[in-house]
N, C-alpha and C. Protein backbone atom coordinates (compact mmCIF):
# COMPACT_ATOMS: atom_id res chain seq x y z
N UNK A 1 93.09 -126.28 -156.39
CA UNK A 1 92.17 -127.01 -155.79
C UNK A 1 92.49 -128.57 -155.67
N UNK A 2 91.88 -128.97 -154.52
CA UNK A 2 92.21 -130.45 -154.10
C UNK A 2 91.18 -131.53 -154.85
N UNK A 3 91.58 -132.15 -155.93
CA UNK A 3 90.70 -132.81 -156.75
C UNK A 3 90.89 -134.21 -156.86
N UNK A 4 89.68 -134.88 -157.17
CA UNK A 4 89.78 -136.29 -157.50
C UNK A 4 88.71 -136.62 -158.49
N UNK A 5 88.60 -137.96 -159.00
CA UNK A 5 87.57 -138.22 -160.17
C UNK A 5 86.90 -139.38 -159.48
N UNK A 6 85.60 -139.34 -159.79
CA UNK A 6 84.92 -140.50 -159.03
C UNK A 6 83.66 -140.97 -159.82
N UNK A 7 82.91 -141.88 -159.23
CA UNK A 7 81.63 -142.29 -159.61
C UNK A 7 80.63 -142.27 -158.24
N UNK A 8 79.66 -141.62 -158.62
CA UNK A 8 78.87 -141.39 -157.23
C UNK A 8 77.57 -142.38 -157.39
N UNK A 9 77.34 -143.24 -156.40
CA UNK A 9 76.17 -144.06 -156.48
C UNK A 9 74.97 -143.03 -156.24
N UNK A 10 73.77 -143.62 -156.93
CA UNK A 10 72.43 -142.94 -156.86
C UNK A 10 71.70 -142.93 -155.11
N UNK A 11 70.98 -141.99 -155.02
CA UNK A 11 70.51 -142.05 -153.54
C UNK A 11 69.92 -143.23 -153.03
N UNK A 12 69.14 -143.90 -153.82
CA UNK A 12 68.63 -145.15 -153.35
C UNK A 12 69.60 -146.21 -152.90
N UNK A 13 70.90 -146.34 -153.77
CA UNK A 13 71.87 -147.17 -153.22
C UNK A 13 72.36 -146.57 -151.83
N UNK A 14 72.57 -145.48 -151.66
CA UNK A 14 73.25 -144.87 -150.76
C UNK A 14 72.27 -145.01 -149.27
N UNK A 15 71.05 -144.91 -149.65
CA UNK A 15 70.05 -145.09 -148.43
C UNK A 15 69.99 -146.69 -147.99
N UNK A 16 70.14 -147.48 -148.85
CA UNK A 16 70.21 -148.91 -148.59
C UNK A 16 71.59 -149.37 -147.57
N UNK A 17 72.64 -148.81 -147.95
CA UNK A 17 73.85 -148.83 -147.32
C UNK A 17 73.85 -148.32 -146.04
N UNK A 18 73.03 -147.14 -146.01
CA UNK A 18 72.96 -146.40 -144.90
C UNK A 18 72.34 -147.16 -143.61
N UNK A 19 71.20 -147.80 -144.16
CA UNK A 19 70.38 -148.60 -143.30
C UNK A 19 71.07 -149.81 -142.85
N UNK A 20 71.88 -150.37 -143.46
CA UNK A 20 72.66 -151.51 -143.34
C UNK A 20 73.99 -151.10 -142.22
N UNK A 21 74.45 -149.97 -142.44
CA UNK A 21 75.67 -149.59 -141.61
C UNK A 21 75.08 -149.00 -140.14
N UNK A 22 73.80 -148.64 -140.11
CA UNK A 22 73.34 -148.18 -138.93
C UNK A 22 73.53 -148.96 -137.66
N UNK A 23 73.07 -150.10 -137.78
CA UNK A 23 73.34 -151.20 -136.48
C UNK A 23 74.82 -151.38 -136.58
N UNK A 24 75.61 -151.50 -137.43
CA UNK A 24 77.01 -151.78 -137.19
C UNK A 24 77.76 -150.78 -136.36
N UNK A 25 77.24 -149.67 -136.29
CA UNK A 25 77.92 -148.53 -135.68
C UNK A 25 77.67 -148.36 -134.23
N UNK A 26 76.83 -149.52 -133.74
CA UNK A 26 76.63 -149.74 -132.29
C UNK A 26 77.50 -150.93 -131.81
N UNK A 27 78.20 -151.60 -132.68
CA UNK A 27 78.94 -152.78 -132.14
C UNK A 27 80.48 -152.30 -131.51
N UNK A 28 80.83 -153.20 -130.87
CA UNK A 28 82.20 -153.02 -130.13
C UNK A 28 83.32 -152.44 -131.07
N UNK A 29 84.03 -151.42 -130.51
CA UNK A 29 84.92 -150.78 -131.37
C UNK A 29 84.81 -149.88 -132.51
N UNK A 30 83.29 -149.71 -132.66
CA UNK A 30 82.56 -148.73 -133.85
C UNK A 30 82.88 -147.22 -133.49
N UNK A 31 82.74 -147.19 -131.92
CA UNK A 31 82.75 -145.49 -131.36
C UNK A 31 84.41 -145.12 -131.46
N UNK A 32 85.44 -146.22 -131.81
CA UNK A 32 86.71 -145.64 -131.98
C UNK A 32 87.07 -145.04 -133.35
N UNK A 33 85.92 -145.36 -134.32
CA UNK A 33 86.15 -144.96 -135.68
C UNK A 33 85.57 -143.43 -135.98
N UNK A 34 86.04 -142.87 -137.05
CA UNK A 34 85.40 -141.75 -137.49
C UNK A 34 84.68 -142.24 -138.76
N UNK A 35 83.49 -141.93 -138.67
CA UNK A 35 82.60 -142.45 -139.56
C UNK A 35 82.28 -141.50 -140.65
N UNK A 36 82.27 -141.87 -141.97
CA UNK A 36 82.20 -140.71 -143.04
C UNK A 36 80.69 -140.53 -143.23
N UNK A 37 80.14 -139.19 -143.50
CA UNK A 37 78.95 -138.95 -143.95
C UNK A 37 78.27 -139.63 -145.10
N UNK A 38 77.03 -140.00 -145.18
CA UNK A 38 76.47 -140.55 -146.34
C UNK A 38 76.70 -139.70 -147.51
N UNK A 39 76.48 -138.46 -147.38
CA UNK A 39 76.73 -137.77 -148.57
C UNK A 39 78.06 -137.52 -149.11
N UNK A 40 79.06 -138.09 -148.59
CA UNK A 40 80.56 -138.11 -148.87
C UNK A 40 80.86 -139.60 -149.35
N UNK A 41 79.79 -140.62 -149.78
CA UNK A 41 80.30 -141.87 -150.03
C UNK A 41 80.13 -141.82 -151.69
N UNK A 42 81.19 -142.41 -152.00
CA UNK A 42 81.59 -142.25 -153.61
C UNK A 42 82.65 -143.35 -153.96
N UNK A 43 82.78 -143.72 -155.14
CA UNK A 43 83.97 -144.76 -155.51
C UNK A 43 85.15 -143.74 -156.25
N UNK A 44 86.07 -143.56 -155.66
CA UNK A 44 87.28 -142.78 -156.15
C UNK A 44 87.86 -143.64 -157.34
N UNK A 45 88.04 -142.91 -158.22
CA UNK A 45 88.86 -143.51 -159.56
C UNK A 45 90.43 -143.21 -159.56
N UNK A 46 90.39 -141.92 -159.23
CA UNK A 46 91.75 -141.52 -159.37
C UNK A 46 91.75 -140.16 -158.37
N UNK A 47 92.84 -140.12 -157.46
CA UNK A 47 93.03 -138.95 -156.63
C UNK A 47 94.10 -138.24 -157.07
N UNK A 48 93.73 -136.79 -157.55
CA UNK A 48 94.77 -135.95 -158.20
C UNK A 48 95.58 -134.98 -157.20
N UNK A 49 95.15 -134.68 -156.05
CA UNK A 49 95.59 -133.73 -155.24
C UNK A 49 95.37 -132.18 -155.76
N UNK A 50 96.49 -131.39 -155.38
CA UNK A 50 96.32 -130.02 -155.97
C UNK A 50 96.48 -129.60 -157.23
N UNK A 51 95.58 -129.13 -157.88
CA UNK A 51 95.49 -128.79 -159.38
C UNK A 51 95.19 -127.35 -159.51
N UNK A 52 95.99 -126.59 -160.23
CA UNK A 52 96.04 -125.25 -160.35
C UNK A 52 94.71 -125.01 -161.18
N UNK A 53 94.03 -123.90 -160.97
CA UNK A 53 92.86 -123.62 -161.57
C UNK A 53 92.95 -123.23 -163.02
N UNK A 54 94.02 -123.01 -163.44
CA UNK A 54 94.21 -122.45 -164.94
C UNK A 54 94.38 -123.79 -165.72
N UNK A 55 94.71 -124.96 -165.03
CA UNK A 55 94.75 -126.28 -165.81
C UNK A 55 93.61 -126.88 -165.87
N UNK A 56 92.39 -126.45 -165.34
CA UNK A 56 91.10 -127.19 -165.39
C UNK A 56 90.60 -127.51 -166.71
N UNK A 57 90.63 -126.48 -167.63
CA UNK A 57 90.23 -126.82 -169.10
C UNK A 57 91.05 -128.10 -169.64
N UNK A 58 92.24 -128.14 -169.38
CA UNK A 58 92.96 -129.38 -169.98
C UNK A 58 92.69 -130.52 -169.29
N UNK A 59 92.22 -130.63 -167.94
CA UNK A 59 91.93 -131.57 -167.41
C UNK A 59 90.48 -132.00 -167.79
N UNK A 60 89.60 -131.12 -167.70
CA UNK A 60 88.16 -131.60 -168.19
C UNK A 60 87.99 -131.91 -169.68
N UNK A 61 88.96 -131.63 -170.45
CA UNK A 61 89.02 -132.06 -171.81
C UNK A 61 89.45 -133.44 -171.80
N UNK A 62 90.37 -133.81 -171.07
CA UNK A 62 91.04 -135.26 -170.99
C UNK A 62 89.90 -136.22 -170.23
N UNK A 63 89.18 -135.71 -169.35
CA UNK A 63 87.92 -136.70 -168.78
C UNK A 63 87.01 -136.70 -169.80
N UNK A 64 86.55 -135.59 -170.47
CA UNK A 64 85.39 -135.65 -171.41
C UNK A 64 85.95 -137.01 -172.49
N UNK A 65 87.18 -136.92 -172.94
CA UNK A 65 87.53 -137.83 -173.95
C UNK A 65 87.28 -139.10 -173.42
N UNK A 66 87.59 -139.36 -172.00
CA UNK A 66 87.48 -140.84 -171.31
C UNK A 66 86.06 -141.21 -171.49
N UNK A 67 85.15 -140.32 -170.83
CA UNK A 67 83.76 -140.54 -170.84
C UNK A 67 83.21 -140.91 -172.18
N UNK A 68 83.61 -140.44 -173.03
CA UNK A 68 83.10 -140.66 -174.58
C UNK A 68 83.19 -142.04 -174.88
N UNK A 69 84.31 -142.71 -174.52
CA UNK A 69 84.46 -144.01 -174.96
C UNK A 69 84.35 -145.21 -173.95
N UNK A 70 84.29 -144.64 -172.62
CA UNK A 70 84.02 -145.74 -171.56
C UNK A 70 82.64 -146.05 -171.37
N UNK A 71 82.18 -147.33 -171.36
CA UNK A 71 80.74 -147.61 -171.23
C UNK A 71 80.11 -147.51 -169.84
N UNK A 72 78.86 -147.07 -169.87
CA UNK A 72 78.17 -147.12 -168.63
C UNK A 72 78.09 -148.65 -168.17
N UNK A 73 77.74 -148.70 -166.81
CA UNK A 73 77.84 -150.27 -166.45
C UNK A 73 76.93 -150.38 -165.11
N UNK A 74 76.67 -151.52 -164.79
CA UNK A 74 75.69 -151.85 -163.92
C UNK A 74 76.44 -152.41 -162.44
N UNK A 75 76.33 -151.99 -161.36
CA UNK A 75 76.88 -152.24 -160.10
C UNK A 75 76.05 -152.39 -159.05
N UNK A 76 76.37 -152.99 -158.01
CA UNK A 76 75.69 -152.89 -156.68
C UNK A 76 76.73 -152.84 -155.53
N UNK A 77 76.25 -152.15 -154.48
CA UNK A 77 77.15 -152.04 -153.25
C UNK A 77 76.97 -153.32 -152.53
N UNK A 78 77.81 -154.03 -152.14
CA UNK A 78 77.79 -155.45 -151.67
C UNK A 78 79.13 -155.69 -150.81
N UNK A 79 78.96 -156.34 -149.83
CA UNK A 79 80.03 -157.03 -148.90
C UNK A 79 80.76 -155.82 -148.44
N UNK A 80 81.81 -156.21 -147.80
CA UNK A 80 82.55 -155.35 -146.92
C UNK A 80 84.18 -155.70 -146.91
N UNK A 81 84.86 -155.10 -146.04
CA UNK A 81 86.29 -155.39 -145.91
C UNK A 81 87.02 -154.35 -145.05
N UNK A 82 88.51 -154.42 -144.82
CA UNK A 82 89.10 -153.49 -144.11
C UNK A 82 90.46 -153.27 -144.82
N UNK A 83 91.14 -152.36 -144.55
CA UNK A 83 92.63 -151.97 -144.93
C UNK A 83 93.36 -151.81 -143.59
N UNK A 84 93.98 -153.07 -143.28
CA UNK A 84 94.72 -153.11 -141.94
C UNK A 84 93.86 -152.73 -140.80
N UNK A 85 94.32 -152.05 -139.87
CA UNK A 85 93.37 -151.37 -138.76
C UNK A 85 92.94 -150.11 -139.02
N UNK A 86 92.91 -149.55 -140.11
CA UNK A 86 92.76 -148.19 -140.52
C UNK A 86 91.46 -148.00 -141.08
N UNK A 87 90.80 -148.52 -141.95
CA UNK A 87 89.72 -148.41 -142.54
C UNK A 87 88.82 -149.37 -142.95
N UNK A 88 87.59 -149.23 -142.67
CA UNK A 88 86.34 -149.84 -143.08
C UNK A 88 85.74 -149.62 -144.32
N UNK A 89 85.48 -150.66 -145.29
CA UNK A 89 84.78 -150.10 -146.44
C UNK A 89 83.72 -151.22 -147.00
N UNK A 90 82.89 -150.48 -147.97
CA UNK A 90 81.96 -151.46 -148.49
C UNK A 90 82.23 -151.62 -149.82
N UNK A 91 82.09 -152.89 -150.24
CA UNK A 91 82.71 -153.18 -151.66
C UNK A 91 81.64 -153.19 -152.86
N UNK A 92 81.96 -153.60 -153.84
CA UNK A 92 81.01 -153.35 -155.10
C UNK A 92 81.07 -154.74 -155.84
N UNK A 93 79.71 -155.09 -156.49
CA UNK A 93 79.71 -156.23 -157.32
C UNK A 93 79.24 -155.71 -158.55
N UNK A 94 79.17 -156.64 -159.56
CA UNK A 94 78.51 -156.43 -160.96
C UNK A 94 79.77 -156.30 -161.96
N UNK A 95 79.42 -155.25 -162.82
CA UNK A 95 80.44 -155.09 -163.99
C UNK A 95 81.66 -154.60 -163.62
N UNK A 96 82.44 -155.03 -162.62
CA UNK A 96 83.60 -154.38 -161.78
C UNK A 96 84.75 -154.45 -163.00
N UNK A 97 84.58 -155.30 -163.82
CA UNK A 97 85.84 -155.14 -165.11
C UNK A 97 85.55 -153.72 -165.77
N UNK A 98 84.21 -153.20 -166.03
CA UNK A 98 84.22 -152.17 -166.61
C UNK A 98 84.70 -150.80 -165.79
N UNK A 99 84.26 -150.90 -164.59
CA UNK A 99 84.79 -149.63 -163.77
C UNK A 99 86.41 -149.78 -163.50
N UNK A 100 86.87 -151.05 -163.49
CA UNK A 100 88.45 -151.04 -163.53
C UNK A 100 88.98 -150.62 -164.80
N UNK A 101 88.29 -150.72 -165.93
CA UNK A 101 88.81 -150.09 -167.16
C UNK A 101 88.60 -148.61 -167.29
N UNK A 102 87.65 -148.16 -166.56
CA UNK A 102 87.18 -146.65 -166.36
C UNK A 102 88.43 -146.07 -165.64
N UNK A 103 88.68 -146.77 -164.34
CA UNK A 103 89.81 -146.24 -163.62
C UNK A 103 91.14 -146.17 -164.18
N UNK A 104 91.38 -147.25 -164.98
CA UNK A 104 92.81 -147.18 -165.86
C UNK A 104 92.83 -146.06 -166.73
N UNK A 105 91.66 -145.87 -167.47
CA UNK A 105 91.62 -144.71 -168.43
C UNK A 105 91.61 -143.48 -167.72
N UNK A 106 91.11 -143.36 -166.71
CA UNK A 106 91.09 -141.91 -165.74
C UNK A 106 92.67 -141.78 -165.40
N UNK A 107 93.35 -143.07 -164.81
CA UNK A 107 94.49 -142.76 -164.48
C UNK A 107 95.45 -142.25 -165.31
N UNK A 108 95.33 -143.00 -166.64
CA UNK A 108 96.39 -142.53 -167.75
C UNK A 108 95.92 -141.05 -168.27
N UNK A 109 94.71 -140.56 -168.34
CA UNK A 109 94.30 -139.32 -168.92
C UNK A 109 94.62 -138.19 -167.84
N UNK A 110 94.76 -138.41 -166.33
CA UNK A 110 95.25 -137.50 -165.44
C UNK A 110 96.73 -137.58 -164.87
N UNK A 111 97.43 -138.44 -165.58
CA UNK A 111 98.79 -138.72 -165.26
C UNK A 111 99.65 -137.36 -165.07
N UNK A 112 99.43 -136.49 -165.91
CA UNK A 112 100.11 -135.09 -165.92
C UNK A 112 99.64 -134.08 -165.01
N UNK A 113 98.77 -134.62 -164.12
CA UNK A 113 98.12 -133.67 -162.96
C UNK A 113 98.39 -134.02 -161.70
N UNK A 114 99.19 -135.17 -161.43
CA UNK A 114 99.35 -135.82 -160.22
C UNK A 114 100.91 -135.85 -159.97
N UNK A 115 101.06 -136.22 -158.54
CA UNK A 115 102.49 -136.55 -158.20
C UNK A 115 102.78 -138.03 -158.18
N UNK A 116 101.90 -138.97 -158.87
CA UNK A 116 102.08 -140.37 -158.84
C UNK A 116 103.50 -140.72 -159.28
N UNK A 117 104.20 -141.56 -158.56
CA UNK A 117 105.51 -142.13 -159.03
C UNK A 117 105.38 -142.96 -160.08
N UNK A 118 106.16 -143.21 -160.94
CA UNK A 118 106.09 -144.07 -162.29
C UNK A 118 106.17 -145.63 -161.45
N UNK A 119 105.39 -146.39 -161.86
CA UNK A 119 105.13 -147.66 -161.42
C UNK A 119 104.78 -147.83 -160.14
N UNK A 120 103.75 -146.68 -159.69
CA UNK A 120 103.27 -146.77 -158.35
C UNK A 120 101.98 -147.48 -158.20
N UNK A 121 101.56 -148.38 -159.09
CA UNK A 121 100.45 -149.17 -159.00
C UNK A 121 99.30 -148.70 -159.88
N UNK A 122 99.03 -147.52 -159.73
CA UNK A 122 97.95 -146.96 -160.72
C UNK A 122 96.63 -147.82 -160.47
N UNK A 123 96.17 -147.97 -161.79
CA UNK A 123 94.96 -148.60 -161.87
C UNK A 123 95.11 -150.14 -161.45
N UNK A 124 96.23 -150.51 -161.58
CA UNK A 124 96.59 -152.17 -161.09
C UNK A 124 96.19 -152.05 -159.71
N UNK A 125 96.42 -151.31 -158.84
CA UNK A 125 95.94 -151.32 -157.38
C UNK A 125 94.56 -150.91 -157.04
N UNK A 126 93.70 -150.42 -158.11
CA UNK A 126 92.63 -149.94 -158.13
C UNK A 126 91.63 -151.10 -157.53
N UNK A 127 91.07 -150.81 -156.42
CA UNK A 127 89.93 -151.60 -155.56
C UNK A 127 88.86 -150.68 -155.29
N UNK A 128 87.71 -150.83 -156.05
CA UNK A 128 86.48 -150.22 -155.92
C UNK A 128 85.80 -150.40 -154.64
N UNK A 129 85.60 -149.10 -153.92
CA UNK A 129 84.90 -149.51 -152.70
C UNK A 129 84.59 -147.96 -152.18
N UNK A 130 83.73 -147.98 -151.27
CA UNK A 130 83.41 -146.73 -150.58
C UNK A 130 83.66 -146.85 -149.00
N UNK A 131 84.60 -145.89 -148.73
CA UNK A 131 85.03 -145.70 -147.28
C UNK A 131 84.04 -145.48 -146.34
N UNK A 132 83.78 -146.25 -145.31
CA UNK A 132 82.68 -146.01 -144.43
C UNK A 132 83.24 -145.42 -143.10
N UNK A 133 84.45 -145.79 -142.74
CA UNK A 133 85.03 -145.13 -141.35
C UNK A 133 86.68 -145.32 -141.44
N UNK A 134 87.16 -144.62 -140.78
CA UNK A 134 88.65 -144.68 -140.56
C UNK A 134 88.96 -144.47 -139.02
N UNK A 135 90.17 -144.84 -138.67
CA UNK A 135 90.79 -145.09 -137.37
C UNK A 135 90.71 -143.48 -136.94
N UNK A 136 90.43 -143.48 -135.55
CA UNK A 136 90.46 -142.10 -135.15
C UNK A 136 91.94 -141.50 -134.99
N UNK A 137 92.07 -140.33 -134.69
CA UNK A 137 93.36 -139.38 -134.72
C UNK A 137 94.08 -140.09 -133.50
N UNK A 138 93.75 -140.93 -132.71
CA UNK A 138 94.71 -141.41 -131.65
C UNK A 138 95.50 -142.45 -132.20
N UNK A 139 95.03 -142.99 -133.34
CA UNK A 139 95.88 -143.97 -134.06
C UNK A 139 96.62 -143.46 -135.14
N UNK A 140 96.19 -142.12 -135.55
CA UNK A 140 96.74 -141.83 -136.80
C UNK A 140 98.23 -140.99 -136.60
N UNK A 141 98.83 -140.86 -137.61
CA UNK A 141 100.16 -140.08 -137.63
C UNK A 141 101.39 -140.70 -136.68
N UNK A 142 101.22 -141.84 -135.94
CA UNK A 142 102.08 -142.39 -135.22
C UNK A 142 102.28 -143.70 -135.35
N UNK A 143 102.33 -144.57 -136.46
CA UNK A 143 102.15 -145.73 -136.70
C UNK A 143 103.09 -146.64 -135.98
N UNK A 144 104.43 -146.19 -135.83
CA UNK A 144 105.61 -146.89 -135.37
C UNK A 144 105.26 -147.18 -133.76
N UNK A 145 104.45 -146.23 -133.19
CA UNK A 145 104.34 -146.03 -131.92
C UNK A 145 103.30 -146.83 -131.30
N UNK A 146 102.66 -147.38 -132.17
CA UNK A 146 101.27 -148.39 -131.76
C UNK A 146 101.77 -149.75 -131.44
N UNK A 147 101.75 -149.91 -130.14
CA UNK A 147 102.05 -151.29 -129.76
C UNK A 147 101.43 -152.59 -130.72
N UNK A 148 102.19 -153.61 -130.92
CA UNK A 148 101.67 -154.64 -131.87
C UNK A 148 100.38 -155.27 -131.35
N UNK A 149 100.30 -155.27 -130.10
CA UNK A 149 98.91 -155.96 -129.37
C UNK A 149 97.80 -154.89 -129.63
N UNK A 150 97.97 -153.71 -129.60
CA UNK A 150 96.96 -152.70 -129.79
C UNK A 150 96.62 -152.74 -131.22
N UNK A 151 97.51 -153.07 -132.14
CA UNK A 151 97.17 -153.14 -133.50
C UNK A 151 96.29 -154.18 -133.97
N UNK A 152 96.70 -155.30 -133.26
CA UNK A 152 95.90 -156.63 -133.33
C UNK A 152 94.60 -156.41 -132.90
N UNK A 153 94.46 -155.85 -131.95
CA UNK A 153 93.06 -155.62 -131.15
C UNK A 153 92.07 -154.61 -132.11
N UNK A 154 92.77 -153.68 -132.69
CA UNK A 154 92.08 -152.82 -133.57
C UNK A 154 91.64 -153.48 -134.72
N UNK A 155 92.58 -154.38 -135.33
CA UNK A 155 92.22 -155.32 -136.50
C UNK A 155 91.16 -156.36 -136.25
N UNK A 156 91.14 -156.81 -134.89
CA UNK A 156 90.01 -157.70 -134.60
C UNK A 156 88.76 -156.96 -134.50
N UNK A 157 88.64 -155.77 -133.82
CA UNK A 157 87.62 -155.05 -133.75
C UNK A 157 86.84 -154.64 -135.24
N UNK A 158 87.86 -154.44 -136.35
CA UNK A 158 87.39 -154.06 -137.60
C UNK A 158 86.82 -155.41 -138.17
N UNK A 159 87.48 -156.69 -137.94
CA UNK A 159 86.87 -157.66 -138.62
C UNK A 159 85.46 -158.07 -138.09
N UNK A 160 85.21 -157.76 -136.75
CA UNK A 160 84.03 -157.95 -136.32
C UNK A 160 83.05 -156.88 -137.09
N UNK A 161 83.21 -155.90 -137.18
CA UNK A 161 82.50 -154.91 -138.13
C UNK A 161 82.49 -155.31 -139.48
N UNK A 162 83.48 -155.85 -139.93
CA UNK A 162 83.28 -156.35 -141.40
C UNK A 162 82.56 -157.42 -141.63
N UNK A 163 82.57 -158.42 -140.59
CA UNK A 163 81.69 -159.54 -140.55
C UNK A 163 80.07 -159.23 -140.61
N UNK A 164 79.84 -158.15 -139.76
CA UNK A 164 78.54 -157.71 -139.48
C UNK A 164 78.02 -157.13 -140.97
N UNK A 165 78.86 -156.54 -141.51
CA UNK A 165 78.22 -155.86 -142.96
C UNK A 165 78.55 -156.79 -144.11
N UNK A 166 79.31 -157.74 -144.02
CA UNK A 166 79.67 -158.75 -145.23
C UNK A 166 78.42 -159.20 -146.04
N UNK A 167 77.32 -159.63 -145.41
CA UNK A 167 76.14 -160.09 -146.06
C UNK A 167 75.29 -159.12 -146.84
N UNK A 168 75.59 -157.78 -147.01
CA UNK A 168 74.85 -156.86 -147.28
C UNK A 168 74.96 -156.90 -148.70
N UNK A 169 73.76 -156.90 -149.50
CA UNK A 169 73.55 -156.75 -151.08
C UNK A 169 72.52 -155.57 -151.48
N UNK A 170 73.17 -154.47 -151.78
CA UNK A 170 72.35 -153.49 -152.25
C UNK A 170 71.61 -153.50 -153.54
N UNK A 171 70.61 -152.59 -153.77
CA UNK A 171 70.07 -152.69 -155.00
C UNK A 171 71.11 -152.32 -156.46
N UNK A 172 70.98 -152.90 -157.47
CA UNK A 172 71.66 -152.81 -158.47
C UNK A 172 71.54 -151.37 -159.12
N UNK A 173 72.31 -150.58 -159.70
CA UNK A 173 72.22 -149.30 -160.06
C UNK A 173 73.24 -149.25 -161.39
N UNK A 174 72.97 -148.26 -162.03
CA UNK A 174 73.68 -147.82 -163.38
C UNK A 174 74.55 -146.88 -163.18
N UNK A 175 75.96 -147.01 -163.29
CA UNK A 175 76.90 -145.93 -163.18
C UNK A 175 77.08 -145.65 -164.60
N UNK A 176 76.51 -144.17 -164.68
CA UNK A 176 76.45 -143.63 -166.09
C UNK A 176 77.06 -142.22 -166.19
N UNK A 177 77.76 -141.90 -165.17
CA UNK A 177 78.48 -140.52 -165.25
C UNK A 177 79.84 -140.75 -164.44
N UNK A 178 80.76 -139.85 -165.09
CA UNK A 178 82.13 -139.39 -164.43
C UNK A 178 82.18 -138.12 -163.78
N UNK A 179 82.41 -138.01 -162.58
CA UNK A 179 82.55 -136.87 -161.77
C UNK A 179 83.92 -136.33 -161.50
N UNK A 180 84.20 -135.00 -161.79
CA UNK A 180 85.19 -134.36 -161.27
C UNK A 180 85.04 -133.80 -159.84
N UNK A 181 85.62 -134.24 -158.77
CA UNK A 181 85.26 -133.78 -157.54
C UNK A 181 86.21 -132.85 -156.99
N UNK A 182 85.57 -131.80 -156.19
CA UNK A 182 86.44 -131.14 -155.43
C UNK A 182 86.37 -131.50 -153.84
N UNK A 183 87.70 -131.32 -153.19
CA UNK A 183 87.52 -131.83 -151.80
C UNK A 183 88.06 -130.66 -150.97
N UNK A 184 87.31 -130.35 -149.97
CA UNK A 184 87.50 -129.21 -149.04
C UNK A 184 87.85 -129.81 -147.57
N UNK A 185 88.89 -129.55 -146.99
CA UNK A 185 89.14 -130.20 -145.82
C UNK A 185 89.03 -128.98 -144.64
N UNK A 186 88.54 -128.04 -144.93
CA UNK A 186 88.20 -126.85 -143.78
C UNK A 186 87.31 -127.44 -142.64
N UNK A 187 87.65 -126.94 -141.49
CA UNK A 187 86.90 -127.30 -140.32
C UNK A 187 87.21 -128.80 -139.88
N UNK A 188 88.10 -129.33 -140.26
CA UNK A 188 88.54 -130.70 -139.83
C UNK A 188 88.10 -131.58 -140.32
N UNK A 189 86.93 -131.64 -141.34
CA UNK A 189 86.25 -132.82 -142.07
C UNK A 189 86.33 -132.28 -143.60
N UNK A 190 86.32 -133.47 -144.24
CA UNK A 190 86.15 -133.55 -145.70
C UNK A 190 84.85 -133.09 -146.28
N UNK A 191 84.78 -132.26 -147.25
CA UNK A 191 83.48 -131.88 -147.70
C UNK A 191 83.62 -131.91 -149.36
N UNK A 192 82.92 -132.63 -150.14
CA UNK A 192 82.91 -132.94 -151.31
C UNK A 192 82.10 -132.31 -152.33
N UNK A 193 82.20 -131.81 -153.31
CA UNK A 193 81.46 -131.28 -154.39
C UNK A 193 81.64 -131.79 -155.79
N UNK A 194 80.67 -131.94 -156.79
CA UNK A 194 81.05 -132.28 -157.95
C UNK A 194 81.15 -130.98 -158.89
N UNK A 195 82.44 -130.78 -159.41
CA UNK A 195 82.57 -129.57 -160.31
C UNK A 195 82.08 -129.61 -161.59
N UNK A 196 82.03 -131.00 -162.15
CA UNK A 196 81.57 -131.11 -163.46
C UNK A 196 81.37 -132.70 -163.61
N UNK A 197 80.56 -132.99 -164.44
CA UNK A 197 80.20 -134.42 -164.74
C UNK A 197 80.08 -134.75 -166.22
N UNK A 198 80.40 -136.05 -166.72
CA UNK A 198 80.30 -136.31 -168.05
C UNK A 198 79.52 -137.71 -168.19
N UNK A 199 78.52 -137.85 -169.12
CA UNK A 199 77.97 -139.13 -169.41
C UNK A 199 78.81 -140.15 -169.79
N UNK A 200 78.52 -141.11 -169.43
CA UNK A 200 79.58 -142.35 -170.09
C UNK A 200 79.01 -142.90 -171.20
N UNK A 201 79.73 -143.56 -172.08
CA UNK A 201 79.14 -144.04 -173.30
C UNK A 201 77.85 -144.85 -173.29
N UNK A 202 76.82 -144.81 -173.85
CA UNK A 202 75.62 -145.77 -173.86
C UNK A 202 75.80 -146.65 -174.91
N UNK A 203 76.16 -147.95 -174.49
CA UNK A 203 76.19 -149.03 -175.51
C UNK A 203 74.97 -150.17 -175.28
N UNK A 204 74.06 -149.73 -174.68
CA UNK A 204 72.97 -150.82 -174.34
C UNK A 204 72.03 -151.06 -175.62
């Protein structure tokens, strides 16, 4: 099973973001992107890749132990950014130190289930975000063949989309659960399902 660990924003947070994203999708350059579905928006803490079914009990036990000691925290979806000319994302504000600590704990607990190289960044490279859109297949898989001018043009388009979404500040919400997610890539699109969840520690 292709698995990852995530925090899922509540429906009201996703609805607010969806309303903010709708006009952005009509701006120049937006039609060249593959936009992710609202139901797929999440905050990935760690990507595990393929995990044998027989190892699920071990994995679940480790995540349960993490959830038992890591506190629930308050967040809001806010701002936006891009990764190069490839990805448009919405950011997160609030108790971001708490979600970074959670990501670090999850990374440590799942180290034996991934092919992450030693010293590969792990939680140090963690940047909480929700992926909104990715560059289309015409730009994917052949990075070296893309002319520099075309890449700069793509980055400029993403800058425009990012600027349009940057002022957004969604409602505050409580991140109170840790989810083990399954990713199914059948049909050319990613479909996500929560296999199991654990309540984070309540220290209020």
